[in-house]
Amino acid sequence: MIGSIPFGFIIGKLHGIDIRKVGSGNIGATNVTRSVGKTAGKICFLLDFCKGLLPVLLLNLLVGRQVIAPPAGGVGAAAVILAVVLGHMFSCFLHFKGGKGIACAVGGLAAVVPLAALGAFLIWLAVFKLSGYVSLGSIIGAIMLPVLAWGLGFLKITPPLPLGLLLFFVLLALVAVWTHRSNIKRLFNGTENSFRKKA
């Protein structure tokens, strides 16, 4: 249920805007930033991030062990993250429509694989700064997260992840690419919205 709370929609309404009817029509932080403002966008991202982070931390508290510990921790963390992401994408408060779930997924993953999540965020930031495209950064960051999670475990920098949890991260990356399919088309067509200031 927590995943279905449409913070972007609520923030838009507080500013007298139906976020679904402006910009890209998405209820996520990117469209909130464009349509409402940078501060509102940051608040939206933080709230959506916490939608993923807090339930996984609560799971960790309830089971009394690290969330990546198999079998209960890994399976439980994956189930919680998936539930939150699906709730965000198909919000019961918005007739089962919603956002892309990136911030929610990052929040959940930050509780499970914080170093990999940080690395993916830095990759997103670098791509965004270089290209001006949030969508491109999100796609590349999502793809790189399971690679980073595996690599850190392989190098013994972090505990190795259970194979099932690693495959779940790959699934999340594929979902991220799928939810950005329209953005990918616009990127190839040169019509994707950019935050880069035009000369």
N, C-alpha and C. Protein backbone atom coordinates (compact mmCIF):
# COMPACT_ATOMS: atom_id res chain seq x y z
N MET A 1 0.82 -1.21 0.00
CA MET A 1 0.00 0.00 0.00
C MET A 1 0.86 1.27 0.00
N ILE A 2 1.99 1.22 0.75
CA ILE A 2 2.83 2.41 0.82
C ILE A 2 3.38 2.80 -0.56
N GLY A 3 3.63 1.78 -1.39
CA GLY A 3 4.14 2.07 -2.73
C GLY A 3 3.15 2.83 -3.58
N SER A 4 1.87 2.70 -3.28
CA SER A 4 0.83 3.34 -4.08
C SER A 4 0.61 4.81 -3.73
N ILE A 5 1.21 5.27 -2.63
CA ILE A 5 1.03 6.69 -2.26
C ILE A 5 1.68 7.57 -3.33
N PRO A 6 0.90 8.35 -4.08
CA PRO A 6 1.43 9.12 -5.21
C PRO A 6 1.95 10.49 -4.77
N PHE A 7 3.14 10.51 -4.20
CA PHE A 7 3.67 11.76 -3.66
C PHE A 7 3.78 12.85 -4.72
N GLY A 8 4.18 12.48 -5.93
CA GLY A 8 4.28 13.47 -7.00
C GLY A 8 2.94 14.11 -7.31
N PHE A 9 1.90 13.30 -7.34
CA PHE A 9 0.55 13.80 -7.59
C PHE A 9 0.11 14.72 -6.46
N ILE A 10 0.39 14.31 -5.21
CA ILE A 10 0.01 15.12 -4.05
C ILE A 10 0.73 16.46 -4.06
N ILE A 11 2.03 16.44 -4.34
CA ILE A 11 2.81 17.68 -4.39
C ILE A 11 2.27 18.60 -5.47
N GLY A 12 1.93 18.03 -6.62
CA GLY A 12 1.36 18.83 -7.70
C GLY A 12 0.05 19.48 -7.27
N LYS A 13 -0.81 18.70 -6.62
CA LYS A 13 -2.10 19.23 -6.17
C LYS A 13 -1.93 20.36 -5.16
N LEU A 14 -0.93 20.23 -4.30
CA LEU A 14 -0.67 21.28 -3.32
C LEU A 14 -0.25 22.59 -3.99
N HIS A 15 0.23 22.48 -5.23
CA HIS A 15 0.61 23.67 -6.00
C HIS A 15 -0.44 24.01 -7.06
N GLY A 16 -1.61 23.37 -6.94
CA GLY A 16 -2.69 23.66 -7.88
C GLY A 16 -2.49 23.07 -9.26
N ILE A 17 -1.69 21.99 -9.34
CA ILE A 17 -1.39 21.38 -10.64
C ILE A 17 -1.73 19.89 -10.59
N ASP A 18 -2.38 19.41 -11.65
CA ASP A 18 -2.55 17.97 -11.82
C ASP A 18 -1.35 17.50 -12.63
N ILE A 19 -0.38 16.90 -11.96
CA ILE A 19 0.89 16.55 -12.58
C ILE A 19 0.71 15.59 -13.75
N ARG A 20 -0.42 14.89 -13.78
CA ARG A 20 -0.68 13.94 -14.87
C ARG A 20 -1.04 14.64 -16.16
N LYS A 21 -1.38 15.94 -16.08
CA LYS A 21 -1.85 16.67 -17.25
C LYS A 21 -0.85 17.71 -17.75
N VAL A 22 0.35 17.70 -17.18
CA VAL A 22 1.37 18.65 -17.61
C VAL A 22 2.67 17.90 -17.89
N GLY A 23 3.53 18.51 -18.70
CA GLY A 23 4.81 17.89 -19.01
C GLY A 23 4.64 16.53 -19.64
N SER A 24 5.37 15.56 -19.09
CA SER A 24 5.31 14.19 -19.61
C SER A 24 4.09 13.44 -19.10
N GLY A 25 3.40 13.99 -18.10
CA GLY A 25 2.25 13.30 -17.52
C GLY A 25 2.63 12.30 -16.45
N ASN A 26 3.94 12.13 -16.21
CA ASN A 26 4.42 11.19 -15.21
C ASN A 26 4.36 11.83 -13.82
N ILE A 27 4.13 11.01 -12.79
CA ILE A 27 4.02 11.54 -11.43
C ILE A 27 5.35 11.53 -10.69
N GLY A 28 6.43 11.21 -11.39
CA GLY A 28 7.74 11.12 -10.76
C GLY A 28 8.42 12.46 -10.56
N ALA A 29 9.61 12.39 -9.92
CA ALA A 29 10.35 13.59 -9.55
C ALA A 29 10.78 14.43 -10.74
N THR A 30 11.09 13.79 -11.87
CA THR A 30 11.55 14.54 -13.04
C THR A 30 10.46 15.48 -13.55
N ASN A 31 9.25 14.95 -13.71
CA ASN A 31 8.15 15.79 -14.20
C ASN A 31 7.74 16.82 -13.16
N VAL A 32 7.82 16.46 -11.87
CA VAL A 32 7.52 17.42 -10.81
C VAL A 32 8.52 18.57 -10.86
N THR A 33 9.79 18.25 -11.09
CA THR A 33 10.82 19.29 -11.19
C THR A 33 10.52 20.24 -12.33
N ARG A 34 10.18 19.68 -13.49
CA ARG A 34 9.90 20.50 -14.66
C ARG A 34 8.63 21.33 -14.48
N SER A 35 7.61 20.73 -13.91
CA SER A 35 6.29 21.36 -13.87
C SER A 35 6.02 22.19 -12.63
N VAL A 36 6.68 21.86 -11.52
CA VAL A 36 6.43 22.57 -10.27
C VAL A 36 7.66 23.36 -9.81
N GLY A 37 8.83 22.73 -9.87
CA GLY A 37 10.04 23.42 -9.45
C GLY A 37 11.07 22.46 -8.87
N LYS A 38 12.31 22.93 -8.75
CA LYS A 38 13.41 22.08 -8.30
C LYS A 38 13.20 21.58 -6.87
N THR A 39 12.77 22.47 -5.99
CA THR A 39 12.57 22.07 -4.59
C THR A 39 11.49 21.00 -4.48
N ALA A 40 10.39 21.20 -5.18
CA ALA A 40 9.31 20.21 -5.18
C ALA A 40 9.79 18.89 -5.75
N GLY A 41 10.61 18.95 -6.80
CA GLY A 41 11.15 17.74 -7.41
C GLY A 41 12.04 16.97 -6.45
N LYS A 42 12.87 17.70 -5.70
CA LYS A 42 13.76 17.05 -4.73
C LYS A 42 12.96 16.40 -3.61
N ILE A 43 11.92 17.08 -3.16
CA ILE A 43 11.06 16.52 -2.11
C ILE A 43 10.37 15.26 -2.61
N CYS A 44 9.89 15.32 -3.85
CA CYS A 44 9.22 14.16 -4.45
C CYS A 44 10.17 12.97 -4.53
N PHE A 45 11.40 13.23 -4.99
CA PHE A 45 12.39 12.14 -5.09
C PHE A 45 12.67 11.55 -3.71
N LEU A 46 12.86 12.41 -2.72
CA LEU A 46 13.17 11.93 -1.38
C LEU A 46 12.04 11.08 -0.80
N LEU A 47 10.81 11.52 -0.99
CA LEU A 47 9.66 10.77 -0.48
C LEU A 47 9.52 9.43 -1.19
N ASP A 48 9.69 9.42 -2.52
CA ASP A 48 9.61 8.16 -3.27
C ASP A 48 10.77 7.24 -2.89
N PHE A 49 11.95 7.82 -2.68
CA PHE A 49 13.12 7.05 -2.25
C PHE A 49 12.83 6.37 -0.91
N CYS A 50 12.23 7.11 0.00
CA CYS A 50 11.92 6.56 1.33
C CYS A 50 10.84 5.49 1.26
N LYS A 51 9.97 5.56 0.25
CA LYS A 51 8.96 4.50 0.08
C LYS A 51 9.62 3.15 -0.13
N GLY A 52 10.78 3.15 -0.78
CA GLY A 52 11.51 1.90 -0.98
C GLY A 52 12.42 1.56 0.18
N LEU A 53 13.06 2.59 0.74
CA LEU A 53 14.05 2.37 1.80
C LEU A 53 13.43 1.89 3.11
N LEU A 54 12.42 2.59 3.60
CA LEU A 54 11.90 2.33 4.95
C LEU A 54 11.28 0.94 5.12
N PRO A 55 10.48 0.44 4.15
CA PRO A 55 9.93 -0.90 4.33
C PRO A 55 11.00 -1.99 4.42
N VAL A 56 12.10 -1.84 3.66
CA VAL A 56 13.17 -2.84 3.72
C VAL A 56 13.91 -2.74 5.06
N LEU A 57 14.12 -1.53 5.55
CA LEU A 57 14.74 -1.37 6.86
C LEU A 57 13.84 -1.95 7.95
N LEU A 58 12.53 -1.78 7.79
CA LEU A 58 11.58 -2.35 8.75
C LEU A 58 11.65 -3.87 8.72
N LEU A 59 11.77 -4.44 7.53
CA LEU A 59 11.92 -5.89 7.40
C LEU A 59 13.16 -6.35 8.14
N ASN A 60 14.26 -5.62 7.95
CA ASN A 60 15.50 -5.97 8.62
C ASN A 60 15.33 -5.95 10.14
N LEU A 61 14.58 -4.96 10.62
CA LEU A 61 14.33 -4.84 12.05
C LEU A 61 13.49 -6.01 12.56
N LEU A 62 12.50 -6.40 11.77
CA LEU A 62 11.58 -7.46 12.19
C LEU A 62 12.24 -8.83 12.20
N VAL A 63 13.07 -9.10 11.18
CA VAL A 63 13.68 -10.43 11.10
C VAL A 63 14.94 -10.51 11.95
N GLY A 64 15.47 -9.33 12.36
CA GLY A 64 16.62 -9.33 13.23
C GLY A 64 17.90 -9.80 12.59
N ARG A 65 18.04 -9.58 11.29
CA ARG A 65 19.25 -10.02 10.57
C ARG A 65 19.43 -9.13 9.36
N GLN A 66 20.57 -9.20 8.74
CA GLN A 66 20.81 -8.41 7.54
C GLN A 66 19.85 -8.83 6.44
N VAL A 67 19.32 -7.85 5.70
CA VAL A 67 18.30 -8.16 4.70
C VAL A 67 18.85 -8.98 3.55
N ILE A 68 20.17 -9.01 3.38
CA ILE A 68 20.71 -9.79 2.25
C ILE A 68 21.01 -11.23 2.66
N ALA A 69 20.78 -11.57 3.93
CA ALA A 69 21.09 -12.91 4.39
C ALA A 69 20.06 -13.91 3.87
N PRO A 70 20.48 -14.95 3.16
CA PRO A 70 19.53 -15.94 2.67
C PRO A 70 19.11 -16.87 3.82
N PRO A 71 17.93 -17.51 3.73
CA PRO A 71 17.00 -17.29 2.61
C PRO A 71 15.97 -16.20 2.88
N ALA A 72 15.60 -16.04 4.16
CA ALA A 72 14.48 -15.13 4.47
C ALA A 72 14.80 -13.69 4.12
N GLY A 73 16.01 -13.24 4.46
CA GLY A 73 16.36 -11.85 4.21
C GLY A 73 16.32 -11.48 2.75
N GLY A 74 17.01 -12.29 1.92
CA GLY A 74 17.07 -11.98 0.49
C GLY A 74 15.71 -12.03 -0.17
N VAL A 75 14.97 -13.10 0.09
CA VAL A 75 13.64 -13.25 -0.50
C VAL A 75 12.70 -12.17 0.01
N GLY A 76 12.77 -11.90 1.31
CA GLY A 76 11.91 -10.89 1.89
C GLY A 76 12.18 -9.51 1.35
N ALA A 77 13.47 -9.16 1.22
CA ALA A 77 13.84 -7.85 0.68
C ALA A 77 13.36 -7.70 -0.75
N ALA A 78 13.56 -8.75 -1.55
CA ALA A 78 13.12 -8.70 -2.95
C ALA A 78 11.61 -8.53 -3.03
N ALA A 79 10.87 -9.25 -2.19
CA ALA A 79 9.41 -9.17 -2.21
C ALA A 79 8.93 -7.77 -1.83
N VAL A 80 9.58 -7.18 -0.82
CA VAL A 80 9.18 -5.84 -0.37
C VAL A 80 9.47 -4.81 -1.45
N ILE A 81 10.67 -4.86 -2.04
CA ILE A 81 11.03 -3.90 -3.08
C ILE A 81 10.09 -4.03 -4.27
N LEU A 82 9.82 -5.27 -4.68
CA LEU A 82 8.93 -5.49 -5.82
C LEU A 82 7.54 -4.95 -5.54
N ALA A 83 7.03 -5.19 -4.33
CA ALA A 83 5.70 -4.71 -3.97
C ALA A 83 5.63 -3.19 -4.02
N VAL A 84 6.67 -2.52 -3.51
CA VAL A 84 6.68 -1.06 -3.50
C VAL A 84 6.75 -0.51 -4.92
N VAL A 85 7.63 -1.09 -5.74
CA VAL A 85 7.79 -0.61 -7.12
C VAL A 85 6.50 -0.80 -7.91
N LEU A 86 5.89 -1.99 -7.79
CA LEU A 86 4.64 -2.24 -8.50
C LEU A 86 3.52 -1.33 -7.99
N GLY A 87 3.51 -1.09 -6.69
CA GLY A 87 2.51 -0.18 -6.12
C GLY A 87 2.66 1.22 -6.67
N HIS A 88 3.91 1.66 -6.87
CA HIS A 88 4.17 2.99 -7.43
C HIS A 88 3.77 3.05 -8.90
N MET A 89 4.09 2.00 -9.64
CA MET A 89 3.78 1.97 -11.08
C MET A 89 2.29 1.85 -11.34
N PHE A 90 1.59 1.14 -10.45
CA PHE A 90 0.16 0.90 -10.64
C PHE A 90 -0.59 1.32 -9.37
N SER A 91 -0.57 2.61 -9.09
CA SER A 91 -1.15 3.12 -7.84
C SER A 91 -2.66 2.90 -7.77
N CYS A 92 -3.10 2.30 -6.67
CA CYS A 92 -4.54 2.07 -6.49
C CYS A 92 -5.27 3.39 -6.25
N PHE A 93 -4.54 4.45 -5.96
CA PHE A 93 -5.16 5.76 -5.75
C PHE A 93 -5.32 6.55 -7.05
N LEU A 94 -4.69 6.07 -8.12
CA LEU A 94 -4.74 6.78 -9.41
C LEU A 94 -5.22 5.85 -10.52
N HIS A 95 -6.21 5.02 -10.19
CA HIS A 95 -6.78 4.09 -11.17
C HIS A 95 -5.71 3.18 -11.76
N PHE A 96 -4.80 2.73 -10.91
CA PHE A 96 -3.74 1.79 -11.26
C PHE A 96 -2.80 2.33 -12.34
N LYS A 97 -2.57 3.64 -12.28
CA LYS A 97 -1.54 4.27 -13.10
C LYS A 97 -0.57 4.96 -12.16
N GLY A 98 0.66 5.15 -12.60
CA GLY A 98 1.63 5.76 -11.70
C GLY A 98 2.91 6.16 -12.41
N GLY A 99 4.02 6.06 -11.68
CA GLY A 99 5.31 6.46 -12.22
C GLY A 99 6.13 5.27 -12.66
N LYS A 100 7.42 5.52 -12.83
CA LYS A 100 8.32 4.48 -13.34
C LYS A 100 8.98 3.67 -12.24
N GLY A 101 8.92 4.15 -11.01
CA GLY A 101 9.40 3.36 -9.87
C GLY A 101 10.90 3.41 -9.64
N ILE A 102 11.62 4.29 -10.33
CA ILE A 102 13.08 4.32 -10.19
C ILE A 102 13.50 4.73 -8.79
N ALA A 103 12.95 5.84 -8.28
CA ALA A 103 13.34 6.32 -6.95
C ALA A 103 12.99 5.30 -5.87
N CYS A 104 11.84 4.65 -6.00
CA CYS A 104 11.44 3.62 -5.03
C CYS A 104 12.42 2.45 -5.04
N ALA A 105 12.78 2.01 -6.25
CA ALA A 105 13.71 0.89 -6.38
C ALA A 105 15.07 1.24 -5.80
N VAL A 106 15.55 2.44 -6.10
CA VAL A 106 16.85 2.87 -5.58
C VAL A 106 16.82 2.91 -4.05
N GLY A 107 15.72 3.38 -3.48
CA GLY A 107 15.59 3.41 -2.03
C GLY A 107 15.67 2.03 -1.42
N GLY A 108 14.94 1.08 -2.00
CA GLY A 108 14.98 -0.28 -1.50
C GLY A 108 16.35 -0.92 -1.65
N LEU A 109 16.96 -0.69 -2.81
CA LEU A 109 18.28 -1.26 -3.07
C LEU A 109 19.35 -0.64 -2.18
N ALA A 110 19.16 0.63 -1.82
CA ALA A 110 20.12 1.29 -0.93
C ALA A 110 20.17 0.62 0.43
N ALA A 111 19.06 0.01 0.84
CA ALA A 111 19.02 -0.70 2.11
C ALA A 111 19.68 -2.07 2.02
N VAL A 112 19.73 -2.62 0.81
CA VAL A 112 20.26 -3.97 0.62
C VAL A 112 21.72 -3.94 0.18
N VAL A 113 22.01 -3.13 -0.83
CA VAL A 113 23.37 -3.03 -1.38
C VAL A 113 23.76 -1.55 -1.47
N PRO A 114 24.04 -0.92 -0.34
CA PRO A 114 24.27 0.53 -0.34
C PRO A 114 25.41 0.99 -1.23
N LEU A 115 26.52 0.24 -1.27
CA LEU A 115 27.65 0.67 -2.10
C LEU A 115 27.31 0.59 -3.58
N ALA A 116 26.63 -0.48 -3.99
CA ALA A 116 26.23 -0.62 -5.38
C ALA A 116 25.21 0.45 -5.75
N ALA A 117 24.28 0.73 -4.83
CA ALA A 117 23.28 1.77 -5.09
C ALA A 117 23.95 3.14 -5.21
N LEU A 118 24.94 3.40 -4.36
CA LEU A 118 25.68 4.66 -4.44
C LEU A 118 26.42 4.76 -5.76
N GLY A 119 27.05 3.65 -6.17
CA GLY A 119 27.76 3.65 -7.44
C GLY A 119 26.83 3.91 -8.61
N ALA A 120 25.65 3.27 -8.58
CA ALA A 120 24.67 3.48 -9.65
C ALA A 120 24.19 4.92 -9.67
N PHE A 121 24.01 5.51 -8.47
CA PHE A 121 23.59 6.92 -8.40
C PHE A 121 24.66 7.83 -8.99
N LEU A 122 25.92 7.56 -8.68
CA LEU A 122 27.01 8.39 -9.22
C LEU A 122 27.09 8.27 -10.74
N ILE A 123 26.82 7.06 -11.25
CA ILE A 123 26.78 6.87 -12.70
C ILE A 123 25.63 7.67 -13.29
N TRP A 124 24.46 7.58 -12.65
CA TRP A 124 23.31 8.39 -13.11
C TRP A 124 23.66 9.86 -13.14
N LEU A 125 24.29 10.33 -12.06
CA LEU A 125 24.64 11.75 -11.96
C LEU A 125 25.61 12.16 -13.06
N ALA A 126 26.61 11.31 -13.31
CA ALA A 126 27.60 11.63 -14.35
C ALA A 126 26.95 11.70 -15.73
N VAL A 127 26.11 10.70 -16.03
CA VAL A 127 25.43 10.67 -17.34
C VAL A 127 24.51 11.88 -17.48
N PHE A 128 23.78 12.19 -16.41
CA PHE A 128 22.87 13.33 -16.45
C PHE A 128 23.62 14.64 -16.66
N LYS A 129 24.72 14.82 -15.94
CA LYS A 129 25.49 16.05 -16.07
C LYS A 129 26.10 16.19 -17.47
N LEU A 130 26.53 15.07 -18.04
CA LEU A 130 27.16 15.11 -19.36
C LEU A 130 26.16 15.26 -20.49
N SER A 131 24.98 14.63 -20.33
CA SER A 131 24.00 14.60 -21.42
C SER A 131 22.81 15.53 -21.22
N GLY A 132 22.46 15.79 -19.96
CA GLY A 132 21.27 16.57 -19.67
C GLY A 132 20.00 15.74 -19.65
N TYR A 133 20.14 14.41 -19.87
CA TYR A 133 18.97 13.54 -19.94
C TYR A 133 18.84 12.70 -18.66
N VAL A 134 17.78 12.94 -17.90
CA VAL A 134 17.51 12.14 -16.71
C VAL A 134 17.23 10.69 -17.10
N SER A 135 16.47 10.51 -18.16
CA SER A 135 16.08 9.16 -18.58
C SER A 135 17.29 8.31 -18.95
N LEU A 136 18.24 8.89 -19.67
CA LEU A 136 19.44 8.15 -20.07
C LEU A 136 20.25 7.75 -18.85
N GLY A 137 20.38 8.67 -17.90
CA GLY A 137 21.08 8.35 -16.66
C GLY A 137 20.38 7.25 -15.89
N SER A 138 19.05 7.28 -15.85
CA SER A 138 18.28 6.26 -15.14
C SER A 138 18.45 4.89 -15.77
N ILE A 139 18.42 4.84 -17.09
CA ILE A 139 18.56 3.57 -17.80
C ILE A 139 19.94 2.97 -17.56
N ILE A 140 20.98 3.77 -17.75
CA ILE A 140 22.35 3.27 -17.58
C ILE A 140 22.62 2.92 -16.12
N GLY A 141 22.15 3.76 -15.20
CA GLY A 141 22.34 3.48 -13.78
C GLY A 141 21.66 2.18 -13.37
N ALA A 142 20.44 1.95 -13.88
CA ALA A 142 19.70 0.73 -13.56
C ALA A 142 20.42 -0.51 -14.09
N ILE A 143 20.96 -0.41 -15.30
CA ILE A 143 21.68 -1.54 -15.89
C ILE A 143 22.96 -1.83 -15.12
N MET A 144 23.63 -0.79 -14.66
CA MET A 144 24.91 -0.96 -13.99
C MET A 144 24.77 -1.45 -12.55
N LEU A 145 23.60 -1.25 -11.93
CA LEU A 145 23.49 -1.63 -10.52
C LEU A 145 23.74 -3.12 -10.28
N PRO A 146 23.10 -4.04 -11.02
CA PRO A 146 23.40 -5.44 -10.77
C PRO A 146 24.85 -5.80 -11.09
N VAL A 147 25.43 -5.10 -12.07
CA VAL A 147 26.85 -5.32 -12.40
C VAL A 147 27.72 -4.92 -11.22
N LEU A 148 27.42 -3.75 -10.64
CA LEU A 148 28.18 -3.28 -9.49
C LEU A 148 27.98 -4.19 -8.28
N ALA A 149 26.74 -4.62 -8.05
CA ALA A 149 26.45 -5.49 -6.91
C ALA A 149 27.22 -6.80 -7.02
N TRP A 150 27.24 -7.36 -8.24
CA TRP A 150 27.99 -8.60 -8.47
C TRP A 150 29.49 -8.35 -8.32
N GLY A 151 29.98 -7.28 -8.94
CA GLY A 151 31.41 -6.99 -8.91
C GLY A 151 31.94 -6.75 -7.51
N LEU A 152 31.20 -6.01 -6.70
CA LEU A 152 31.63 -5.75 -5.33
C LEU A 152 31.68 -7.04 -4.51
N GLY A 153 30.71 -7.93 -4.77
CA GLY A 153 30.72 -9.22 -4.08
C GLY A 153 31.85 -10.10 -4.56
N PHE A 154 32.09 -10.10 -5.87
CA PHE A 154 33.17 -10.91 -6.46
C PHE A 154 34.53 -10.49 -5.93
N LEU A 155 34.71 -9.18 -5.75
CA LEU A 155 35.97 -8.65 -5.24
C LEU A 155 36.05 -8.70 -3.71
N LYS A 156 34.98 -9.22 -3.10
CA LYS A 156 34.90 -9.37 -1.64
C LYS A 156 34.95 -8.02 -0.90
N ILE A 157 34.54 -6.97 -1.60
CA ILE A 157 34.41 -5.67 -0.96
C ILE A 157 33.14 -5.65 -0.11
N THR A 158 32.12 -6.33 -0.60
CA THR A 158 30.87 -6.53 0.13
C THR A 158 30.56 -8.02 0.16
N PRO A 159 29.68 -8.48 1.06
CA PRO A 159 29.32 -9.90 1.08
C PRO A 159 28.70 -10.32 -0.25
N PRO A 160 29.07 -11.49 -0.77
CA PRO A 160 28.47 -11.97 -2.01
C PRO A 160 26.95 -12.10 -1.86
N LEU A 161 26.24 -11.72 -2.91
CA LEU A 161 24.78 -11.79 -2.87
C LEU A 161 24.30 -13.18 -3.27
N PRO A 162 23.18 -13.62 -2.71
CA PRO A 162 22.56 -14.85 -3.20
C PRO A 162 22.21 -14.68 -4.68
N LEU A 163 22.34 -15.76 -5.45
CA LEU A 163 22.08 -15.69 -6.89
C LEU A 163 20.67 -15.19 -7.17
N GLY A 164 19.71 -15.66 -6.39
CA GLY A 164 18.32 -15.24 -6.61
C GLY A 164 18.14 -13.75 -6.46
N LEU A 165 18.81 -13.15 -5.48
CA LEU A 165 18.70 -11.72 -5.26
C LEU A 165 19.38 -10.94 -6.38
N LEU A 166 20.51 -11.46 -6.86
CA LEU A 166 21.20 -10.82 -7.97
C LEU A 166 20.34 -10.85 -9.23
N LEU A 167 19.69 -11.99 -9.48
CA LEU A 167 18.79 -12.09 -10.63
C LEU A 167 17.60 -11.14 -10.49
N PHE A 168 17.17 -10.94 -9.26
CA PHE A 168 16.09 -9.99 -9.01
C PHE A 168 16.53 -8.58 -9.39
N PHE A 169 17.77 -8.23 -9.08
CA PHE A 169 18.30 -6.92 -9.46
C PHE A 169 18.32 -6.77 -10.98
N VAL A 170 18.66 -7.86 -11.66
CA VAL A 170 18.64 -7.84 -13.13
C VAL A 170 17.22 -7.61 -13.63
N LEU A 171 16.26 -8.27 -12.98
CA LEU A 171 14.85 -8.08 -13.34
C LEU A 171 14.43 -6.63 -13.16
N LEU A 172 14.84 -6.01 -12.06
CA LEU A 172 14.52 -4.60 -11.83
C LEU A 172 15.12 -3.72 -12.92
N ALA A 173 16.34 -4.05 -13.35
CA ALA A 173 16.98 -3.28 -14.42
C ALA A 173 16.18 -3.39 -15.72
N LEU A 174 15.71 -4.60 -16.01
CA LEU A 174 14.91 -4.81 -17.23
C LEU A 174 13.59 -4.05 -17.14
N VAL A 175 12.99 -4.03 -15.95
CA VAL A 175 11.75 -3.28 -15.75
C VAL A 175 12.01 -1.79 -15.97
N ALA A 176 13.15 -1.30 -15.48
CA ALA A 176 13.50 0.11 -15.66
C ALA A 176 13.63 0.46 -17.14
N VAL A 177 14.28 -0.43 -17.89
CA VAL A 177 14.43 -0.20 -19.33
C VAL A 177 13.05 -0.21 -20.00
N TRP A 178 12.20 -1.15 -19.60
CA TRP A 178 10.86 -1.26 -20.21
C TRP A 178 10.02 -0.02 -19.92
N THR A 179 10.09 0.48 -18.69
CA THR A 179 9.29 1.66 -18.36
C THR A 179 9.80 2.92 -19.06
N HIS A 180 11.03 2.86 -19.54
CA HIS A 180 11.61 4.00 -20.26
C HIS A 180 11.58 3.80 -21.78
N ARG A 181 10.77 2.86 -22.25
CA ARG A 181 10.78 2.55 -23.69
C ARG A 181 10.41 3.76 -24.54
N SER A 182 9.46 4.58 -24.08
CA SER A 182 9.09 5.77 -24.85
C SER A 182 10.23 6.79 -24.82
N ASN A 183 10.94 6.86 -23.69
CA ASN A 183 12.09 7.76 -23.60
C ASN A 183 13.20 7.33 -24.55
N ILE A 184 13.38 6.01 -24.65
CA ILE A 184 14.41 5.47 -25.54
C ILE A 184 14.12 5.86 -26.98
N LYS A 185 12.85 5.75 -27.37
CA LYS A 185 12.46 6.15 -28.73
C LYS A 185 12.76 7.62 -28.98
N ARG A 186 12.43 8.46 -27.99
CA ARG A 186 12.69 9.90 -28.13
C ARG A 186 14.18 10.21 -28.15
N LEU A 187 14.96 9.43 -27.40
CA LEU A 187 16.41 9.63 -27.41
C LEU A 187 16.97 9.36 -28.80
N PHE A 188 16.50 8.28 -29.42
CA PHE A 188 16.95 7.95 -30.77
C PHE A 188 16.45 8.96 -31.79
N ASN A 189 15.26 9.50 -31.54
CA ASN A 189 14.69 10.48 -32.48
C ASN A 189 15.20 11.90 -32.24
N GLY A 190 15.92 12.08 -31.13
CA GLY A 190 16.43 13.41 -30.80
C GLY A 190 15.37 14.35 -30.26
N THR A 191 14.28 13.79 -29.74
CA THR A 191 13.18 14.63 -29.24
C THR A 191 12.98 14.50 -27.73
N GLU A 192 13.89 13.81 -27.05
CA GLU A 192 13.75 13.64 -25.59
C GLU A 192 13.98 14.98 -24.88
N ASN A 193 13.19 15.23 -23.84
CA ASN A 193 13.35 16.44 -23.04
C ASN A 193 14.68 16.44 -22.31
N SER A 194 15.38 17.56 -22.37
CA SER A 194 16.68 17.68 -21.73
C SER A 194 16.69 18.82 -20.73
N PHE A 195 17.46 18.65 -19.65
CA PHE A 195 17.63 19.72 -18.68
C PHE A 195 18.80 20.63 -19.05
N ARG A 196 19.49 20.29 -20.12
CA ARG A 196 20.61 21.12 -20.55
C ARG A 196 20.08 22.42 -21.12
N LYS A 197 20.66 23.51 -20.67
CA LYS A 197 20.22 24.82 -21.15
C LYS A 197 20.62 25.01 -22.60
N LYS A 198 19.64 25.46 -23.38
CA LYS A 198 19.90 25.70 -24.79
C LYS A 198 20.63 27.03 -24.97
N ALA A 199 21.56 27.02 -25.93
CA ALA A 199 22.34 28.24 -26.19
C ALA A 199 21.45 29.29 -26.85
